[in-house]
Amino acid sequence: MIEKAQTRIPVKLHRNVALVQTEDALLAEELLAHKKLAADIVGRLSDRVLLIRPGRVDAVVQELRRMGHTPSVL
């Protein structure tokens, strides 16, 4: 019997968080570069998913709308 080495994948659990999921990675980069939004983005979970600072969801949605985006809030 051949034994396979087990690989551990580090996982971080986030609770009660807000995320922004973009259509593509380029748009996520654009949002990260935007001065007002960058202050409210605390992390990046993938190339298209950004983690929003607690309590700042409304401000982020308003800024996205001001920029001409049409965010969908779930």
Protein backbone atom coordinates (compact mmCIF):
# COMPACT_ATOMS: atom_id res chain seq x y z
CA MET A 1 0.00 0.00 0.00
CA ILE A 2 1.37 3.42 -0.97
CA GLU A 3 0.84 6.21 1.52
CA LYS A 4 0.05 9.67 0.24
CA ALA A 5 1.34 12.70 2.07
CA GLN A 6 -1.52 14.70 3.49
CA THR A 7 -1.49 18.36 2.62
CA ARG A 8 -3.10 20.81 4.98
CA ILE A 9 -4.78 23.80 3.49
CA PRO A 10 -5.02 26.77 5.87
CA VAL A 11 -8.58 28.03 6.19
CA LYS A 12 -9.77 31.24 7.78
CA LEU A 13 -13.42 31.49 8.79
CA HIS A 14 -15.11 34.87 8.36
CA ARG A 15 -18.46 35.52 10.01
CA ASN A 16 -20.90 38.35 9.45
CA VAL A 17 -18.88 39.93 6.69
CA ALA A 18 -19.73 41.78 3.53
CA LEU A 19 -18.16 40.87 0.22
CA VAL A 20 -17.96 42.47 -3.18
CA GLN A 21 -17.81 39.97 -6.02
CA THR A 22 -16.80 41.49 -9.34
CA GLU A 23 -17.37 40.29 -12.90
CA ASP A 24 -13.63 39.91 -13.44
CA ALA A 25 -10.27 40.36 -11.73
CA LEU A 26 -9.54 43.59 -13.59
CA LEU A 27 -12.57 45.30 -12.06
CA ALA A 28 -11.50 44.14 -8.59
CA GLU A 29 -8.09 45.75 -9.23
CA GLU A 30 -9.83 48.96 -10.27
CA LEU A 31 -11.84 49.02 -7.04
CA LEU A 32 -8.72 48.39 -4.97
CA ALA A 33 -7.03 51.33 -6.70
CA HIS A 34 -9.96 53.66 -6.01
CA LYS A 35 -8.95 55.89 -3.08
CA LYS A 36 -12.36 56.04 -1.34
CA LEU A 37 -13.09 52.33 -1.70
CA ALA A 38 -9.60 51.12 -0.81
CA ALA A 39 -10.06 52.42 2.75
CA ASP A 40 -13.11 50.17 3.18
CA ILE A 41 -11.62 47.05 1.61
CA VAL A 42 -9.81 45.00 4.24
CA GLY A 43 -8.84 41.99 2.21
CA ARG A 44 -9.06 39.97 -0.93
CA LEU A 45 -10.48 36.47 -0.76
CA SER A 46 -9.88 35.67 -4.43
CA ASP A 47 -9.05 37.50 -7.64
CA ARG A 48 -12.71 38.63 -7.89
CA VAL A 49 -13.90 38.76 -4.25
CA LEU A 50 -13.11 41.64 -1.88
CA LEU A 51 -13.75 41.72 1.88
CA ILE A 52 -15.43 44.91 3.14
CA ARG A 53 -14.74 46.57 6.49
CA PRO A 54 -17.55 45.91 9.02
CA GLY A 55 -20.14 48.67 9.12
CA ARG A 56 -19.08 50.15 5.77
CA VAL A 57 -21.41 48.27 3.41
CA ASP A 58 -23.74 51.21 2.80
CA ALA A 59 -20.84 53.57 2.06
CA VAL A 60 -19.30 51.07 -0.36
CA VAL A 61 -22.62 50.53 -2.17
CA GLN A 62 -23.15 54.30 -2.45
CA GLU A 63 -19.64 54.82 -3.83
CA LEU A 64 -20.06 51.99 -6.33
CA ARG A 65 -23.31 53.57 -7.55
CA ARG A 66 -21.63 56.97 -7.75
CA MET A 67 -18.96 55.36 -9.94
CA GLY A 68 -21.69 54.12 -12.30
CA HIS A 69 -21.80 50.49 -11.14
CA THR A 70 -25.04 48.73 -10.33
CA PRO A 71 -24.26 46.59 -7.27
CA SER A 72 -26.69 43.91 -6.26
CA VAL A 73 -27.01 43.54 -2.50
CA LEU A 74 -27.96 40.12 -1.15
